[in-house]
Amino acid sequence: MKLDIQSIHFDADKKLLEYIEKKLNKLETFYDNIVSGEVFLKVTNDAKENKLVEVKLNVQNQSIFVKETSISFEAAVDMAENTLRGQLVKYKERMRN
């Protein structure tokens, strides 16, 4: 899957980028027709959970979007991956019917 990762107003380190790619590439085991994906990383002004991750996956004729916040980018990516997994399974079921 072609994955475009953008960190807004900061530079993400290589370790974080590799972590995101590894986690999101696992989604292809649930649905193999993912065309591409976009990931946006932002730091918000909230007190605790100030790491925001937005993921948009393009699958055939539709987009699947999820937005998660947490205390770290890794935790937010984990939550986004779990949510996307469920959405992909539902999408796959709808496509079968």
PDB file of N, CA and C in Angstrom:
ATOM      1  N   MET A   1       0.847  -1.172   0.000  1.00  0.00           N
ATOM      2  CA  MET A   1       0.000   0.000   0.000  1.00  0.00           C
ATOM      3  C   MET A   1       0.893   1.236   0.000  1.00  0.00           C
ATOM      4  N   LYS A   2       0.519   2.213  -0.803  1.00  0.00           N
ATOM      5  CA  LYS A   2       1.236   3.486  -0.829  1.00  0.00           C
ATOM      6  C   LYS A   2       0.736   4.327   0.336  1.00  0.00           C
ATOM      7  N   LEU A   3       1.648   4.729   1.213  1.00  0.00           N
ATOM      8  CA  LEU A   3       1.290   5.454   2.419  1.00  0.00           C
ATOM      9  C   LEU A   3       2.010   6.794   2.448  1.00  0.00           C
ATOM     10  N   ASP A   4       1.242   7.872   2.611  1.00  0.00           N
ATOM     11  CA  ASP A   4       1.790   9.223   2.686  1.00  0.00           C
ATOM     12  C   ASP A   4       1.619   9.722   4.124  1.00  0.00           C
ATOM     13  N   ILE A   5       2.732   9.984   4.804  1.00  0.00           N
ATOM     14  CA  ILE A   5       2.689  10.421   6.204  1.00  0.00           C
ATOM     15  C   ILE A   5       3.169  11.863   6.279  1.00  0.00           C
ATOM     16  N   GLN A   6       2.329  12.704   6.895  1.00  0.00           N
ATOM     17  CA  GLN A   6       2.677  14.120   7.039  1.00  0.00           C
ATOM     18  C   GLN A   6       2.594  14.510   8.508  1.00  0.00           C
ATOM     19  N   SER A   7       3.665  15.091   9.008  1.00  0.00           N
ATOM     20  CA  SER A   7       3.660  15.632  10.361  1.00  0.00           C
ATOM     21  C   SER A   7       3.535  17.144  10.238  1.00  0.00           C
ATOM     22  N   ILE A   8       2.527  17.686  10.894  1.00  0.00           N
ATOM     23  CA  ILE A   8       2.199  19.097  10.743  1.00  0.00           C
ATOM     24  C   ILE A   8       2.841  19.913  11.872  1.00  0.00           C
ATOM     25  N   HIS A   9       3.669  20.867  11.505  1.00  0.00           N
ATOM     26  CA  HIS A   9       4.368  21.793  12.397  1.00  0.00           C
ATOM     27  C   HIS A   9       5.433  21.127  13.271  1.00  0.00           C
ATOM     28  N   PHE A  10       5.900  19.939  12.887  1.00  0.00           N
ATOM     29  CA  PHE A  10       7.036  19.312  13.555  1.00  0.00           C
ATOM     30  C   PHE A  10       7.591  18.236  12.626  1.00  0.00           C
ATOM     31  N   ASP A  11       8.789  17.763  12.935  1.00  0.00           N
ATOM     32  CA  ASP A  11       9.404  16.697  12.147  1.00  0.00           C
ATOM     33  C   ASP A  11       9.331  15.393  12.925  1.00  0.00           C
ATOM     34  N   ALA A  12       8.662  14.405  12.353  1.00  0.00           N
ATOM     35  CA  ALA A  12       8.555  13.092  12.990  1.00  0.00           C
ATOM     36  C   ALA A  12       9.858  12.330  12.767  1.00  0.00           C
ATOM     37  N   ASP A  13      10.278  11.603  13.790  1.00  0.00           N
ATOM     38  CA  ASP A  13      11.515  10.843  13.642  1.00  0.00           C
ATOM     39  C   ASP A  13      11.269   9.556  12.844  1.00  0.00           C
ATOM     40  N   LYS A  14      12.346   8.994  12.362  1.00  0.00           N
ATOM     41  CA  LYS A  14      12.287   7.826  11.485  1.00  0.00           C
ATOM     42  C   LYS A  14      11.640   6.633  12.190  1.00  0.00           C
ATOM     43  N   LYS A  15      11.896   6.476  13.473  1.00  0.00           N
ATOM     44  CA  LYS A  15      11.347   5.354  14.239  1.00  0.00           C
ATOM     45  C   LYS A  15       9.811   5.415  14.269  1.00  0.00           C
ATOM     46  N   LEU A  16       9.260   6.596  14.463  1.00  0.00           N
ATOM     47  CA  LEU A  16       7.803   6.768  14.470  1.00  0.00           C
ATOM     48  C   LEU A  16       7.215   6.472  13.097  1.00  0.00           C
ATOM     49  N   LEU A  17       7.849   6.954  12.050  1.00  0.00           N
ATOM     50  CA  LEU A  17       7.357   6.716  10.691  1.00  0.00           C
ATOM     51  C   LEU A  17       7.357   5.228  10.355  1.00  0.00           C
ATOM     52  N   GLU A  18       8.405   4.523  10.756  1.00  0.00           N
ATOM     53  CA  GLU A  18       8.474   3.080  10.519  1.00  0.00           C
ATOM     54  C   GLU A  18       7.396   2.346  11.303  1.00  0.00           C
ATOM     55  N   TYR A  19       7.136   2.793  12.525  1.00  0.00           N
ATOM     56  CA  TYR A  19       6.093   2.184  13.355  1.00  0.00           C
ATOM     57  C   TYR A  19       4.724   2.328  12.695  1.00  0.00           C
ATOM     58  N   ILE A  20       4.443   3.520  12.200  1.00  0.00           N
ATOM     59  CA  ILE A  20       3.152   3.781  11.546  1.00  0.00           C
ATOM     60  C   ILE A  20       2.999   2.912  10.303  1.00  0.00           C
ATOM     61  N   GLU A  21       4.041   2.848   9.482  1.00  0.00           N
ATOM     62  CA  GLU A  21       3.978   2.026   8.267  1.00  0.00           C
ATOM     63  C   GLU A  21       3.760   0.552   8.610  1.00  0.00           C
ATOM     64  N   LYS A  22       4.460   0.063   9.610  1.00  0.00           N
ATOM     65  CA  LYS A  22       4.338  -1.335  10.007  1.00  0.00           C
ATOM     66  C   LYS A  22       2.912  -1.646  10.467  1.00  0.00           C
ATOM     67  N   LYS A  23       2.342  -0.786  11.317  1.00  0.00           N
ATOM     68  CA  LYS A  23       0.997  -1.022  11.845  1.00  0.00           C
ATOM     69  C   LYS A  23      -0.062  -0.947  10.747  1.00  0.00           C
ATOM     70  N   LEU A  24       0.021   0.048   9.889  1.00  0.00           N
ATOM     71  CA  LEU A  24      -1.027   0.229   8.883  1.00  0.00           C
ATOM     72  C   LEU A  24      -0.905  -0.766   7.731  1.00  0.00           C
ATOM     73  N   ASN A  25       0.292  -1.250   7.455  1.00  0.00           N
ATOM     74  CA  ASN A  25       0.436  -2.269   6.412  1.00  0.00           C
ATOM     75  C   ASN A  25      -0.182  -3.596   6.835  1.00  0.00           C
ATOM     76  N   LYS A  26      -0.339  -3.824   8.143  1.00  0.00           N
ATOM     77  CA  LYS A  26      -1.002  -5.029   8.626  1.00  0.00           C
ATOM     78  C   LYS A  26      -2.479  -5.059   8.226  1.00  0.00           C
ATOM     79  N   LEU A  27      -3.053  -3.899   7.940  1.00  0.00           N
ATOM     80  CA  LEU A  27      -4.473  -3.835   7.579  1.00  0.00           C
ATOM     81  C   LEU A  27      -4.761  -4.546   6.263  1.00  0.00           C
ATOM     82  N   GLU A  28      -3.730  -4.719   5.443  1.00  0.00           N
ATOM     83  CA  GLU A  28      -3.931  -5.401   4.165  1.00  0.00           C
ATOM     84  C   GLU A  28      -4.272  -6.878   4.353  1.00  0.00           C
ATOM     85  N   THR A  29      -4.038  -7.430   5.533  1.00  0.00           N
ATOM     86  CA  THR A  29      -4.433  -8.816   5.781  1.00  0.00           C
ATOM     87  C   THR A  29      -5.951  -8.940   5.928  1.00  0.00           C
ATOM     88  N   PHE A  30      -6.622  -7.835   6.287  1.00  0.00           N
ATOM     89  CA  PHE A  30      -8.072  -7.861   6.450  1.00  0.00           C
ATOM     90  C   PHE A  30      -8.799  -7.481   5.163  1.00  0.00           C
ATOM     91  N   TYR A  31      -8.181  -6.640   4.349  1.00  0.00           N
ATOM     92  CA  TYR A  31      -8.773  -6.246   3.072  1.00  0.00           C
ATOM     93  C   TYR A  31      -7.623  -5.897   2.135  1.00  0.00           C
ATOM     94  N   ASP A  32      -7.467  -6.661   1.075  1.00  0.00           N
ATOM     95  CA  ASP A  32      -6.277  -6.521   0.234  1.00  0.00           C
ATOM     96  C   ASP A  32      -6.426  -5.517  -0.909  1.00  0.00           C
ATOM     97  N   ASN A  33      -7.558  -4.840  -1.030  1.00  0.00           N
ATOM     98  CA  ASN A  33      -7.744  -3.858  -2.102  1.00  0.00           C
ATOM     99  C   ASN A  33      -7.613  -2.418  -1.605  1.00  0.00           C
ATOM    100  N   ILE A  34      -6.745  -2.191  -0.646  1.00  0.00           N
ATOM    101  CA  ILE A  34      -6.480  -0.827  -0.183  1.00  0.00           C
ATOM    102  C   ILE A  34      -5.545  -0.181  -1.205  1.00  0.00           C
ATOM    103  N   VAL A  35      -6.001   0.925  -1.802  1.00  0.00           N
ATOM    104  CA  VAL A  35      -5.230   1.580  -2.857  1.00  0.00           C
ATOM    105  C   VAL A  35      -4.097   2.412  -2.261  1.00  0.00           C
ATOM    106  N   SER A  36      -4.439   3.280  -1.311  1.00  0.00           N
ATOM    107  CA  SER A  36      -3.437   4.162  -0.714  1.00  0.00           C
ATOM    108  C   SER A  36      -3.938   4.645   0.637  1.00  0.00           C
ATOM    109  N   GLY A  37      -3.059   5.329   1.343  1.00  0.00           N
ATOM    110  CA  GLY A  37      -3.420   5.865   2.643  1.00  0.00           C
ATOM    111  C   GLY A  37      -2.704   7.162   2.922  1.00  0.00           C
ATOM    112  N   GLU A  38      -3.338   8.000   3.712  1.00  0.00           N
ATOM    113  CA  GLU A  38      -2.747   9.269   4.141  1.00  0.00           C
ATOM    114  C   GLU A  38      -2.819   9.333   5.663  1.00  0.00           C
ATOM    115  N   VAL A  39      -1.734   9.748   6.282  1.00  0.00           N
ATOM    116  CA  VAL A  39      -1.672   9.874   7.732  1.00  0.00           C
ATOM    117  C   VAL A  39      -1.228  11.294   8.066  1.00  0.00           C
ATOM    118  N   PHE A  40      -1.967  11.934   8.967  1.00  0.00           N
ATOM    119  CA  PHE A  40      -1.623  13.282   9.420  1.00  0.00           C
ATOM    120  C   PHE A  40      -1.356  13.222  10.915  1.00  0.00           C
ATOM    121  N   LEU A  41      -0.214  13.732  11.325  1.00  0.00           N
ATOM    122  CA  LEU A  41       0.183  13.774  12.731  1.00  0.00           C
ATOM    123  C   LEU A  41       0.189  15.226  13.184  1.00  0.00           C
ATOM    124  N   LYS A  42      -0.514  15.502  14.287  1.00  0.00           N
ATOM    125  CA  LYS A  42      -0.586  16.871  14.802  1.00  0.00           C
ATOM    126  C   LYS A  42      -0.425  16.858  16.312  1.00  0.00           C
ATOM    127  N   VAL A  43       0.115  17.948  16.848  1.00  0.00           N
ATOM    128  CA  VAL A  43       0.163  18.162  18.286  1.00  0.00           C
ATOM    129  C   VAL A  43      -0.839  19.259  18.593  1.00  0.00           C
ATOM    130  N   THR A  44      -1.836  18.941  19.439  1.00  0.00           N
ATOM    131  CA  THR A  44      -2.886  19.902  19.766  1.00  0.00           C
ATOM    132  C   THR A  44      -2.551  20.629  21.064  1.00  0.00           C
ATOM    133  N   ASN A  45      -3.429  21.533  21.465  1.00  0.00           N
ATOM    134  CA  ASN A  45      -3.204  22.328  22.665  1.00  0.00           C
ATOM    135  C   ASN A  45      -3.831  21.735  23.918  1.00  0.00           C
ATOM    136  N   ASP A  46      -4.332  20.503  23.843  1.00  0.00           N
ATOM    137  CA  ASP A  46      -4.940  19.873  25.010  1.00  0.00           C
ATOM    138  C   ASP A  46      -3.885  19.581  26.070  1.00  0.00           C
ATOM    139  N   ALA A  47      -4.346  19.432  27.311  1.00  0.00           N
ATOM    140  CA  ALA A  47      -3.411  19.223  28.420  1.00  0.00           C
ATOM    141  C   ALA A  47      -2.731  17.860  28.363  1.00  0.00           C
ATOM    142  N   LYS A  48      -3.512  16.771  28.361  1.00  0.00           N
ATOM    143  CA  LYS A  48      -2.910  15.436  28.396  1.00  0.00           C
ATOM    144  C   LYS A  48      -2.838  14.799  27.020  1.00  0.00           C
ATOM    145  N   GLU A  49      -3.991  14.488  26.473  1.00  0.00           N
ATOM    146  CA  GLU A  49      -4.030  13.771  25.198  1.00  0.00           C
ATOM    147  C   GLU A  49      -3.887  14.754  24.036  1.00  0.00           C
ATOM    148  N   ASN A  50      -2.651  15.152  23.786  1.00  0.00           N
ATOM    149  CA  ASN A  50      -2.412  16.200  22.792  1.00  0.00           C
ATOM    150  C   ASN A  50      -1.834  15.679  21.482  1.00  0.00           C
ATOM    151  N   LYS A  51      -1.761  14.371  21.294  1.00  0.00           N
ATOM    152  CA  LYS A  51      -1.246  13.804  20.042  1.00  0.00           C
ATOM    153  C   LYS A  51      -2.430  13.340  19.197  1.00  0.00           C
ATOM    154  N   LEU A  52      -2.590  13.920  18.021  1.00  0.00           N
ATOM    155  CA  LEU A  52      -3.714  13.631  17.134  1.00  0.00           C
ATOM    156  C   LEU A  52      -3.215  12.909  15.893  1.00  0.00           C
ATOM    157  N   VAL A  53      -3.872  11.797  15.562  1.00  0.00           N
ATOM    158  CA  VAL A  53      -3.552  11.023  14.368  1.00  0.00           C
ATOM    159  C   VAL A  53      -4.819  10.909  13.537  1.00  0.00           C
ATOM    160  N   GLU A  54      -4.731  11.315  12.268  1.00  0.00           N
ATOM    161  CA  GLU A  54      -5.834  11.167  11.335  1.00  0.00           C
ATOM    162  C   GLU A  54      -5.372  10.249  10.207  1.00  0.00           C
ATOM    163  N   VAL A  55      -6.170   9.232   9.908  1.00  0.00           N
ATOM    164  CA  VAL A  55      -5.816   8.273   8.868  1.00  0.00           C
ATOM    165  C   VAL A  55      -6.965   8.190   7.873  1.00  0.00           C
ATOM    166  N   LYS A  56      -6.617   8.297   6.601  1.00  0.00           N
ATOM    167  CA  LYS A  56      -7.601   8.161   5.525  1.00  0.00           C
ATOM    168  C   LYS A  56      -7.107   7.060   4.586  1.00  0.00           C
ATOM    169  N   LEU A  57      -7.905   6.009   4.452  1.00  0.00           N
ATOM    170  CA  LEU A  57      -7.560   4.916   3.542  1.00  0.00           C
ATOM    171  C   LEU A  57      -8.472   4.974   2.327  1.00  0.00           C
ATOM    172  N   ASN A  58      -7.892   4.869   1.157  1.00  0.00           N
ATOM    173  CA  ASN A  58      -8.659   4.840  -0.083  1.00  0.00           C
ATOM    174  C   ASN A  58      -8.802   3.391  -0.520  1.00  0.00           C
ATOM    175  N   VAL A  59     -10.043   2.915  -0.544  1.00  0.00           N
ATOM    176  CA  VAL A  59     -10.339   1.551  -0.964  1.00  0.00           C
ATOM    177  C   VAL A  59     -11.306   1.615  -2.139  1.00  0.00           C
ATOM    178  N   GLN A  60     -10.874   1.122  -3.262  1.00  0.00           N
ATOM    179  CA  GLN A  60     -11.646   1.111  -4.498  1.00  0.00           C
ATOM    180  C   GLN A  60     -12.375   2.439  -4.722  1.00  0.00           C
ATOM    181  N   ASN A  61     -13.671   2.509  -4.499  1.00  0.00           N
ATOM    182  CA  ASN A  61     -14.436   3.729  -4.798  1.00  0.00           C
ATOM    183  C   ASN A  61     -14.830   4.501  -3.551  1.00  0.00           C
ATOM    184  N   GLN A  62     -14.169   4.262  -2.435  1.00  0.00           N
ATOM    185  CA  GLN A  62     -14.580   4.859  -1.185  1.00  0.00           C
ATOM    186  C   GLN A  62     -13.367   5.191  -0.323  1.00  0.00           C
ATOM    187  N   SER A  63     -13.570   6.069   0.644  1.00  0.00           N
ATOM    188  CA  SER A  63     -12.532   6.400   1.621  1.00  0.00           C
ATOM    189  C   SER A  63     -13.002   6.027   3.012  1.00  0.00           C
ATOM    190  N   ILE A  64     -12.074   5.537   3.808  1.00  0.00           N
ATOM    191  CA  ILE A  64     -12.355   5.214   5.202  1.00  0.00           C
ATOM    192  C   ILE A  64     -11.483   6.133   6.042  1.00  0.00           C
ATOM    193  N   PHE A  65     -12.096   6.824   6.998  1.00  0.00           N
ATOM    194  CA  PHE A  65     -11.400   7.847   7.770  1.00  0.00           C
ATOM    195  C   PHE A  65     -11.542   7.571   9.261  1.00  0.00           C
ATOM    196  N   VAL A  66     -10.473   7.808   9.989  1.00  0.00           N
ATOM    197  CA  VAL A  66     -10.513   7.699  11.447  1.00  0.00           C
ATOM    198  C   VAL A  66      -9.619   8.783  12.055  1.00  0.00           C
ATOM    199  N   LYS A  67     -10.036   9.268  13.221  1.00  0.00           N
ATOM    200  CA  LYS A  67      -9.307  10.335  13.919  1.00  0.00           C
ATOM    201  C   LYS A  67      -9.204   9.924  15.383  1.00  0.00           C
ATOM    202  N   GLU A  68      -7.989   9.857  15.903  1.00  0.00           N
ATOM    203  CA  GLU A  68      -7.758   9.423  17.286  1.00  0.00           C
ATOM    204  C   GLU A  68      -6.786  10.359  17.993  1.00  0.00           C
ATOM    205  N   THR A  69      -6.997  10.553  19.293  1.00  0.00           N
ATOM    206  CA  THR A  69      -6.068  11.330  20.118  1.00  0.00           C
ATOM    207  C   THR A  69      -5.622  10.486  21.303  1.00  0.00           C
ATOM    208  N   SER A  70      -4.393  10.729  21.753  1.00  0.00           N
ATOM    209  CA  SER A  70      -3.862  10.001  22.901  1.00  0.00           C
ATOM    210  C   SER A  70      -2.670  10.777  23.465  1.00  0.00           C
ATOM    211  N   ILE A  71      -2.030  10.188  24.467  1.00  0.00           N
ATOM    212  CA  ILE A  71      -0.873  10.853  25.082  1.00  0.00           C
ATOM    213  C   ILE A  71       0.391  10.645  24.260  1.00  0.00           C
ATOM    214  N   SER A  72       0.382   9.653  23.350  1.00  0.00           N
ATOM    215  CA  SER A  72       1.531   9.438  22.468  1.00  0.00           C
ATOM    216  C   SER A  72       1.028   9.091  21.073  1.00  0.00           C
ATOM    217  N   PHE A  73       1.863   9.338  20.083  1.00  0.00           N
ATOM    218  CA  PHE A  73       1.486   9.014  18.710  1.00  0.00           C
ATOM    219  C   PHE A  73       1.331   7.510  18.525  1.00  0.00           C
ATOM    220  N   GLU A  74       2.169   6.732  19.202  1.00  0.00           N
ATOM    221  CA  GLU A  74       2.094   5.281  19.068  1.00  0.00           C
ATOM    222  C   GLU A  74       0.754   4.752  19.561  1.00  0.00           C
ATOM    223  N   ALA A  75       0.301   5.254  20.708  1.00  0.00           N
ATOM    224  CA  ALA A  75      -0.985   4.820  21.251  1.00  0.00           C
ATOM    225  C   ALA A  75      -2.135   5.244  20.336  1.00  0.00           C
ATOM    226  N   ALA A  76      -2.056   6.444  19.787  1.00  0.00           N
ATOM    227  CA  ALA A  76      -3.097   6.919  18.874  1.00  0.00           C
ATOM    228  C   ALA A  76      -3.123   6.092  17.593  1.00  0.00           C
ATOM    229  N   VAL A  77      -1.952   5.703  17.096  1.00  0.00           N
ATOM    230  CA  VAL A  77      -1.877   4.859  15.893  1.00  0.00           C
ATOM    231  C   VAL A  77      -2.465   3.486  16.189  1.00  0.00           C
ATOM    232  N   ASP A  78      -2.193   2.941  17.373  1.00  0.00           N
ATOM    233  CA  ASP A  78      -2.765   1.646  17.752  1.00  0.00           C
ATOM    234  C   ASP A  78      -4.289   1.709  17.772  1.00  0.00           C
ATOM    235  N   MET A  79      -4.852   2.761  18.367  1.00  0.00           N
ATOM    236  CA  MET A  79      -6.302   2.910  18.414  1.00  0.00           C
ATOM    237  C   MET A  79      -6.881   3.083  17.011  1.00  0.00           C
ATOM    238  N   ALA A  80      -6.207   3.865  16.188  1.00  0.00           N
ATOM    239  CA  ALA A  80      -6.673   4.077  14.812  1.00  0.00           C
ATOM    240  C   ALA A  80      -6.635   2.776  14.026  1.00  0.00           C
ATOM    241  N   GLU A  81      -5.595   1.987  14.222  1.00  0.00           N
ATOM    242  CA  GLU A  81      -5.474   0.716  13.511  1.00  0.00           C
ATOM    243  C   GLU A  81      -6.599  -0.235  13.906  1.00  0.00           C
ATOM    244  N   ASN A  82      -6.950  -0.282  15.192  1.00  0.00           N
ATOM    245  CA  ASN A  82      -8.047  -1.135  15.647  1.00  0.00           C
ATOM    246  C   ASN A  82      -9.379  -0.686  15.055  1.00  0.00           C
ATOM    247  N   THR A  83      -9.613   0.613  15.031  1.00  0.00           N
ATOM    248  CA  THR A  83     -10.850   1.147  14.464  1.00  0.00           C
ATOM    249  C   THR A  83     -10.919   0.864  12.971  1.00  0.00           C
ATOM    250  N   LEU A  84      -9.819   1.096  12.268  1.00  0.00           N
ATOM    251  CA  LEU A  84      -9.783   0.842  10.828  1.00  0.00           C
ATOM    252  C   LEU A  84      -9.992  -0.635  10.511  1.00  0.00           C
ATOM    253  N   ARG A  85      -9.463  -1.496  11.343  1.00  0.00           N
ATOM    254  CA  ARG A  85      -9.639  -2.938  11.143  1.00  0.00           C
ATOM    255  C   ARG A  85     -11.133  -3.279  11.138  1.00  0.00           C
ATOM    256  N   GLY A  86     -11.856  -2.764  12.118  1.00  0.00           N
ATOM    257  CA  GLY A  86     -13.295  -3.010  12.184  1.00  0.00           C
ATOM    258  C   GLY A  86     -14.032  -2.434  10.993  1.00  0.00           C
ATOM    259  N   GLN A  87     -13.653  -1.217  10.586  1.00  0.00           N
ATOM    260  CA  GLN A  87     -14.307  -0.589   9.444  1.00  0.00           C
ATOM    261  C   GLN A  87     -14.029  -1.353   8.154  1.00  0.00           C
ATOM    262  N   LEU A  88     -12.819  -1.869   7.996  1.00  0.00           N
ATOM    263  CA  LEU A  88     -12.489  -2.637   6.800  1.00  0.00           C
ATOM    264  C   LEU A  88     -13.255  -3.957   6.745  1.00  0.00           C
ATOM    265  N   VAL A  89     -13.412  -4.611   7.895  1.00  0.00           N
ATOM    266  CA  VAL A  89     -14.178  -5.856   7.928  1.00  0.00           C
ATOM    267  C   VAL A  89     -15.631  -5.587   7.547  1.00  0.00           C
ATOM    268  N   LYS A  90     -16.206  -4.507   8.076  1.00  0.00           N
ATOM    269  CA  LYS A  90     -17.590  -4.148   7.717  1.00  0.00           C
ATOM    270  C   LYS A  90     -17.696  -3.807   6.235  1.00  0.00           C
ATOM    271  N   TYR A  91     -16.727  -3.072   5.725  1.00  0.00           N
ATOM    272  CA  TYR A  91     -16.737  -2.708   4.303  1.00  0.00           C
ATOM    273  C   TYR A  91     -16.646  -3.951   3.429  1.00  0.00           C
ATOM    274  N   LYS A  92     -15.795  -4.876   3.819  1.00  0.00           N
ATOM    275  CA  LYS A  92     -15.629  -6.112   3.057  1.00  0.00           C
ATOM    276  C   LYS A  92     -16.934  -6.920   3.029  1.00  0.00           C
ATOM    277  N   GLU A  93     -17.635  -6.960   4.175  1.00  0.00           N
ATOM    278  CA  GLU A  93     -18.916  -7.665   4.240  1.00  0.00           C
ATOM    279  C   GLU A  93     -19.947  -6.997   3.330  1.00  0.00           C
ATOM    280  N   ARG A  94     -19.985  -5.666   3.322  1.00  0.00           N
ATOM    281  CA  ARG A  94     -20.924  -4.948   2.450  1.00  0.00           C
ATOM    282  C   ARG A  94     -20.617  -5.205   0.979  1.00  0.00           C
ATOM    283  N   MET A  95     -19.357  -5.322   0.643  1.00  0.00           N
ATOM    284  CA  MET A  95     -18.979  -5.556  -0.748  1.00  0.00           C
ATOM    285  C   MET A  95     -19.363  -6.971  -1.191  1.00  0.00           C
ATOM    286  N   ARG A  96     -19.358  -7.930  -0.264  1.00  0.00           N
ATOM    287  CA  ARG A  96     -19.758  -9.300  -0.593  1.00  0.00           C
ATOM    288  C   ARG A  96     -21.247  -9.387  -0.912  1.00  0.00           C
ATOM    289  N   ASN A  97     -22.046  -8.619  -0.189  1.00  0.00           N
ATOM    290  CA  ASN A  97     -23.506  -8.689  -0.353  1.00  0.00           C
ATOM    291  C   ASN A  97     -23.996  -7.925  -1.534  1.00  0.00           C
TER     292      ASN A  97
END
